[in-house]
Amino acid sequence: SRAVAVETLRREDRSLIFATLATDAELAAQAYEQKSCGGIGAGVDASEFIGRTLQQSIVHAQARVESGLTFLASVGSTAPFVGLFGTVWGIYHALIGLSGAAQMRIDQVAGPVGEALVMTAAGLFVAIPAVLAYNACTRANRLVLAQLDGFAHSVHAFLVAGVRVASPARAAD
């Protein structure tokens, strides 16, 4: 039965993205079968009703998998500037230390400049992994959403026409 298939998917889908889509589609199919004859949606056929539900479920899944990407993008783009600010601050302090001295010593410059370089390195140390993580997550999300779209088409065909459609990747296995 359809409910057993959805429950099996729920157990196997750790992210619950695919299971949620299947559950939403199953609920839409049940709601369509039990609908009354009147109302604003009386002229909508099962295919369109379930299709709209699947599209809405995909949009919610996309919002869910993309949460956190804005933070990664912000960290990746601003961390180098924080490091640069630290560099400017360290050089500024080095110059202030030199301005009041009658004689210049290397330790008056080396300490603040060393701190400035540490700040630059810290900014890059934060930015580079954030950008790499952002790119990896964006690619993974794109792949999952493409799989989800194909899965939605298969669920739609199953619920509307009773046809089981094997994905090309699974058909080759």
C-alpha atoms as a PDB file:
ATOM      1  CA  SER A   1       0.000   0.000   0.000  1.00  0.00           C
ATOM      2  CA  ARG A   2       1.001   3.633  -0.385  1.00  0.00           C
ATOM      3  CA  ALA A   3       1.150   4.216   3.382  1.00  0.00           C
ATOM      4  CA  VAL A   4       3.592   1.319   3.841  1.00  0.00           C
ATOM      5  CA  ALA A   5       5.821   2.691   1.067  1.00  0.00           C
ATOM      6  CA  VAL A   6       5.833   6.127   2.695  1.00  0.00           C
ATOM      7  CA  GLU A   7       6.653   4.619   6.106  1.00  0.00           C
ATOM      8  CA  THR A   8       9.523   2.584   4.627  1.00  0.00           C
ATOM      9  CA  LEU A   9      10.886   5.706   2.974  1.00  0.00           C
ATOM     10  CA  ARG A  10      10.607   7.603   6.260  1.00  0.00           C
ATOM     11  CA  ARG A  11      12.797   4.982   7.982  1.00  0.00           C
ATOM     12  CA  GLU A  12      15.437   5.027   5.217  1.00  0.00           C
ATOM     13  CA  ASP A  13      15.577   8.793   4.568  1.00  0.00           C
ATOM     14  CA  ARG A  14      17.790  10.303   7.289  1.00  0.00           C
ATOM     15  CA  SER A  15      17.247  13.853   6.050  1.00  0.00           C
ATOM     16  CA  LEU A  16      13.469  13.323   5.874  1.00  0.00           C
ATOM     17  CA  ILE A  17      13.405  15.501   2.748  1.00  0.00           C
ATOM     18  CA  PHE A  18      12.213  12.717   0.449  1.00  0.00           C
ATOM     19  CA  ALA A  19       9.922  11.214   3.085  1.00  0.00           C
ATOM     20  CA  THR A  20       8.303  14.589   3.747  1.00  0.00           C
ATOM     21  CA  LEU A  21       7.654  15.065   0.033  1.00  0.00           C
ATOM     22  CA  ALA A  22       6.129  11.584  -0.238  1.00  0.00           C
ATOM     23  CA  THR A  23       3.997  12.189   2.878  1.00  0.00           C
ATOM     24  CA  ASP A  24       2.770  15.523   1.515  1.00  0.00           C
ATOM     25  CA  ALA A  25       1.876  13.879  -1.797  1.00  0.00           C
ATOM     26  CA  GLU A  26       0.101  10.985  -0.047  1.00  0.00           C
ATOM     27  CA  LEU A  27      -1.904  13.433   2.079  1.00  0.00           C
ATOM     28  CA  ALA A  28      -2.795  15.433  -1.036  1.00  0.00           C
ATOM     29  CA  ALA A  29      -3.966  12.276  -2.804  1.00  0.00           C
ATOM     30  CA  GLN A  30      -6.086  11.304   0.191  1.00  0.00           C
ATOM     31  CA  ALA A  31      -7.521  14.819   0.439  1.00  0.00           C
ATOM     32  CA  TYR A  32      -8.367  14.783  -3.257  1.00  0.00           C
ATOM     33  CA  GLU A  33     -10.118  11.432  -2.962  1.00  0.00           C
ATOM     34  CA  GLN A  34     -12.180  12.712  -0.022  1.00  0.00           C
ATOM     35  CA  LYS A  35     -12.973  16.176  -1.368  1.00  0.00           C
ATOM     36  CA  SER A  36     -16.512  17.389  -1.611  1.00  0.00           C
ATOM     37  CA  CYS A  37     -17.994  18.287  -4.979  1.00  0.00           C
ATOM     38  CA  GLY A  38     -18.310  22.003  -4.307  1.00  0.00           C
ATOM     39  CA  GLY A  39     -15.835  24.738  -3.546  1.00  0.00           C
ATOM     40  CA  ILE A  40     -13.258  26.746  -5.375  1.00  0.00           C
ATOM     41  CA  GLY A  41     -11.101  23.707  -6.284  1.00  0.00           C
ATOM     42  CA  ALA A  42     -13.927  21.638  -7.762  1.00  0.00           C
ATOM     43  CA  GLY A  43     -12.541  21.915 -11.302  1.00  0.00           C
ATOM     44  CA  VAL A  44      -8.977  20.831 -10.413  1.00  0.00           C
ATOM     45  CA  ASP A  45      -8.048  17.302 -11.446  1.00  0.00           C
ATOM     46  CA  ALA A  46      -5.946  14.939  -9.325  1.00  0.00           C
ATOM     47  CA  SER A  47      -2.817  15.473 -11.403  1.00  0.00           C
ATOM     48  CA  GLU A  48      -2.863  19.228 -10.945  1.00  0.00           C
ATOM     49  CA  PHE A  49      -3.826  19.004  -7.265  1.00  0.00           C
ATOM     50  CA  ILE A  50      -1.013  16.584  -6.417  1.00  0.00           C
ATOM     51  CA  GLY A  51       1.423  18.417  -8.718  1.00  0.00           C
ATOM     52  CA  ARG A  52       0.871  21.696  -6.909  1.00  0.00           C
ATOM     53  CA  THR A  53       1.359  19.990  -3.565  1.00  0.00           C
ATOM     54  CA  LEU A  54       4.618  18.440  -4.764  1.00  0.00           C
ATOM     55  CA  GLN A  55       5.855  21.796  -6.055  1.00  0.00           C
ATOM     56  CA  GLN A  56       5.092  23.439  -2.721  1.00  0.00           C
ATOM     57  CA  SER A  57       6.860  20.614  -0.882  1.00  0.00           C
ATOM     58  CA  ILE A  58       9.947  21.043  -3.093  1.00  0.00           C
ATOM     59  CA  VAL A  59      10.027  24.783  -2.331  1.00  0.00           C
ATOM     60  CA  HIS A  60       9.882  24.055   1.420  1.00  0.00           C
ATOM     61  CA  ALA A  61      12.644  21.433   1.069  1.00  0.00           C
ATOM     62  CA  GLN A  62      14.801  23.900  -0.844  1.00  0.00           C
ATOM     63  CA  ALA A  63      14.397  26.498   1.887  1.00  0.00           C
ATOM     64  CA  ARG A  64      15.319  23.869   4.465  1.00  0.00           C
ATOM     65  CA  VAL A  65      18.490  22.652   2.734  1.00  0.00           C
ATOM     66  CA  GLU A  66      19.651  26.189   1.991  1.00  0.00           C
ATOM     67  CA  SER A  67      19.361  27.395   5.591  1.00  0.00           C
ATOM     68  CA  GLY A  68      22.763  28.349   6.935  1.00  0.00           C
ATOM     69  CA  LEU A  69      24.272  29.111   3.535  1.00  0.00           C
ATOM     70  CA  THR A  70      23.834  32.841   4.032  1.00  0.00           C
ATOM     71  CA  PHE A  71      25.879  32.658   7.227  1.00  0.00           C
ATOM     72  CA  LEU A  72      28.682  30.721   5.488  1.00  0.00           C
ATOM     73  CA  ALA A  73      28.709  33.182   2.602  1.00  0.00           C
ATOM     74  CA  SER A  74      28.836  36.126   5.010  1.00  0.00           C
ATOM     75  CA  VAL A  75      31.696  34.640   7.027  1.00  0.00           C
ATOM     76  CA  GLY A  76      33.616  33.750   3.875  1.00  0.00           C
ATOM     77  CA  SER A  77      33.276  37.224   2.426  1.00  0.00           C
ATOM     78  CA  THR A  78      33.829  39.313   5.570  1.00  0.00           C
ATOM     79  CA  ALA A  79      36.575  37.385   7.401  1.00  0.00           C
ATOM     80  CA  PRO A  80      39.372  38.637   5.106  1.00  0.00           C
ATOM     81  CA  PHE A  81      38.269  42.200   5.831  1.00  0.00           C
ATOM     82  CA  VAL A  82      38.384  41.546   9.581  1.00  0.00           C
ATOM     83  CA  GLY A  83      41.930  40.249   9.092  1.00  0.00           C
ATOM     84  CA  LEU A  84      42.786  43.286   6.989  1.00  0.00           C
ATOM     85  CA  PHE A  85      41.394  45.564   9.700  1.00  0.00           C
ATOM     86  CA  GLY A  86      43.643  43.796  12.215  1.00  0.00           C
ATOM     87  CA  THR A  87      46.597  44.323   9.884  1.00  0.00           C
ATOM     88  CA  VAL A  88      45.895  48.033   9.553  1.00  0.00           C
ATOM     89  CA  TRP A  89      45.403  48.300  13.319  1.00  0.00           C
ATOM     90  CA  GLY A  90      48.750  46.581  14.015  1.00  0.00           C
ATOM     91  CA  ILE A  91      50.657  48.764  11.552  1.00  0.00           C
ATOM     92  CA  TYR A  92      48.971  51.838  13.013  1.00  0.00           C
ATOM     93  CA  HIS A  93      50.195  50.876  16.486  1.00  0.00           C
ATOM     94  CA  ALA A  94      53.692  50.265  15.097  1.00  0.00           C
ATOM     95  CA  LEU A  95      53.734  53.746  13.602  1.00  0.00           C
ATOM     96  CA  ILE A  96      52.412  55.313  16.816  1.00  0.00           C
ATOM     97  CA  GLY A  97      55.196  53.557  18.730  1.00  0.00           C
ATOM     98  CA  LEU A  98      57.775  54.972  16.348  1.00  0.00           C
ATOM     99  CA  SER A  99      56.432  58.514  16.337  1.00  0.00           C
ATOM    100  CA  GLY A 100      57.401  59.337  19.919  1.00  0.00           C
ATOM    101  CA  ALA A 101      60.788  57.628  19.856  1.00  0.00           C
ATOM    102  CA  ALA A 102      63.963  59.546  19.249  1.00  0.00           C
ATOM    103  CA  GLN A 103      65.709  56.390  18.205  1.00  0.00           C
ATOM    104  CA  MET A 104      64.071  53.540  16.327  1.00  0.00           C
ATOM    105  CA  ARG A 105      64.500  49.957  17.538  1.00  0.00           C
ATOM    106  CA  ILE A 106      63.415  46.834  15.695  1.00  0.00           C
ATOM    107  CA  ASP A 107      61.325  45.544  18.614  1.00  0.00           C
ATOM    108  CA  GLN A 108      59.156  48.671  18.428  1.00  0.00           C
ATOM    109  CA  VAL A 109      58.129  47.664  14.923  1.00  0.00           C
ATOM    110  CA  ALA A 110      58.375  43.873  15.020  1.00  0.00           C
ATOM    111  CA  GLY A 111      55.786  43.279  17.747  1.00  0.00           C
ATOM    112  CA  PRO A 112      52.919  45.264  16.231  1.00  0.00           C
ATOM    113  CA  VAL A 113      53.720  44.133  12.681  1.00  0.00           C
ATOM    114  CA  GLY A 114      53.843  40.519  13.878  1.00  0.00           C
ATOM    115  CA  GLU A 115      50.414  40.974  15.478  1.00  0.00           C
ATOM    116  CA  ALA A 116      49.182  42.464  12.231  1.00  0.00           C
ATOM    117  CA  LEU A 117      50.332  39.420  10.275  1.00  0.00           C
ATOM    118  CA  VAL A 118      48.668  37.099  12.795  1.00  0.00           C
ATOM    119  CA  MET A 119      45.393  38.969  12.283  1.00  0.00           C
ATOM    120  CA  THR A 120      45.724  38.593   8.516  1.00  0.00           C
ATOM    121  CA  ALA A 121      46.352  34.877   8.895  1.00  0.00           C
ATOM    122  CA  ALA A 122      43.397  34.539  11.280  1.00  0.00           C
ATOM    123  CA  GLY A 123      41.077  36.208   8.772  1.00  0.00           C
ATOM    124  CA  LEU A 124      42.217  33.855   6.014  1.00  0.00           C
ATOM    125  CA  PHE A 125      42.063  30.862   8.375  1.00  0.00           C
ATOM    126  CA  VAL A 126      38.362  31.572   8.891  1.00  0.00           C
ATOM    127  CA  ALA A 127      37.491  32.688   5.351  1.00  0.00           C
ATOM    128  CA  ILE A 128      38.992  29.873   3.304  1.00  0.00           C
ATOM    129  CA  PRO A 129      37.180  26.987   5.066  1.00  0.00           C
ATOM    130  CA  ALA A 130      33.932  28.990   5.056  1.00  0.00           C
ATOM    131  CA  VAL A 131      34.121  29.537   1.289  1.00  0.00           C
ATOM    132  CA  LEU A 132      35.034  25.890   0.675  1.00  0.00           C
ATOM    133  CA  ALA A 133      32.160  24.731   2.904  1.00  0.00           C
ATOM    134  CA  TYR A 134      29.756  27.108   1.148  1.00  0.00           C
ATOM    135  CA  ASN A 135      30.749  25.764  -2.271  1.00  0.00           C
ATOM    136  CA  ALA A 136      30.509  22.138  -1.121  1.00  0.00           C
ATOM    137  CA  CYS A 137      27.104  22.686   0.495  1.00  0.00           C
ATOM    138  CA  THR A 138      25.779  24.549  -2.538  1.00  0.00           C
ATOM    139  CA  ARG A 139      26.844  21.714  -4.847  1.00  0.00           C
ATOM    140  CA  ALA A 140      25.409  19.047  -2.529  1.00  0.00           C
ATOM    141  CA  ASN A 141      22.138  20.982  -2.279  1.00  0.00           C
ATOM    142  CA  ARG A 142      21.919  21.269  -6.048  1.00  0.00           C
ATOM    143  CA  LEU A 143      22.358  17.495  -6.395  1.00  0.00           C
ATOM    144  CA  VAL A 144      19.803  16.706  -3.672  1.00  0.00           C
ATOM    145  CA  LEU A 145      17.256  19.097  -5.167  1.00  0.00           C
ATOM    146  CA  ALA A 146      17.734  17.544  -8.620  1.00  0.00           C
ATOM    147  CA  GLN A 147      17.160  14.091  -7.106  1.00  0.00           C
ATOM    148  CA  LEU A 148      14.151  15.431  -5.217  1.00  0.00           C
ATOM    149  CA  ASP A 149      12.676  16.812  -8.431  1.00  0.00           C
ATOM    150  CA  GLY A 150      13.036  13.431 -10.149  1.00  0.00           C
ATOM    151  CA  PHE A 151      11.575  11.712  -7.095  1.00  0.00           C
ATOM    152  CA  ALA A 152       8.621  14.115  -7.148  1.00  0.00           C
ATOM    153  CA  HIS A 153       7.929  13.200 -10.782  1.00  0.00           C
ATOM    154  CA  SER A 154       8.004   9.504  -9.866  1.00  0.00           C
ATOM    155  CA  VAL A 155       5.674  10.038  -6.896  1.00  0.00           C
ATOM    156  CA  HIS A 156       3.339  12.083  -9.091  1.00  0.00           C
ATOM    157  CA  ALA A 157       3.205   9.337 -11.740  1.00  0.00           C
ATOM    158  CA  PHE A 158       2.567   6.716  -9.065  1.00  0.00           C
ATOM    159  CA  LEU A 159      -0.198   8.621  -7.294  1.00  0.00           C
ATOM    160  CA  VAL A 160      -1.963   9.872 -10.410  1.00  0.00           C
ATOM    161  CA  ALA A 161      -1.571   6.966 -12.832  1.00  0.00           C
ATOM    162  CA  GLY A 162      -0.403   4.094 -10.616  1.00  0.00           C
ATOM    163  CA  VAL A 163       2.759   3.832 -12.705  1.00  0.00           C
ATOM    164  CA  ARG A 164       6.076   3.060 -11.047  1.00  0.00           C
ATOM    165  CA  VAL A 165       8.868   4.982 -12.745  1.00  0.00           C
ATOM    166  CA  ALA A 166      12.432   3.838 -12.091  1.00  0.00           C
ATOM    167  CA  SER A 167      15.035   6.574 -12.120  1.00  0.00           C
ATOM    168  CA  PRO A 168      17.784   6.131 -14.755  1.00  0.00           C
ATOM    169  CA  ALA A 169      20.420   5.732 -12.027  1.00  0.00           C
ATOM    170  CA  ARG A 170      18.456   2.914 -10.342  1.00  0.00           C
ATOM    171  CA  ALA A 171      17.524   1.260 -13.619  1.00  0.00           C
ATOM    172  CA  ALA A 172      21.246   0.830 -14.403  1.00  0.00           C
ATOM    173  CA  ASP A 173      21.871  -0.947 -11.043  1.00  0.00           C
END
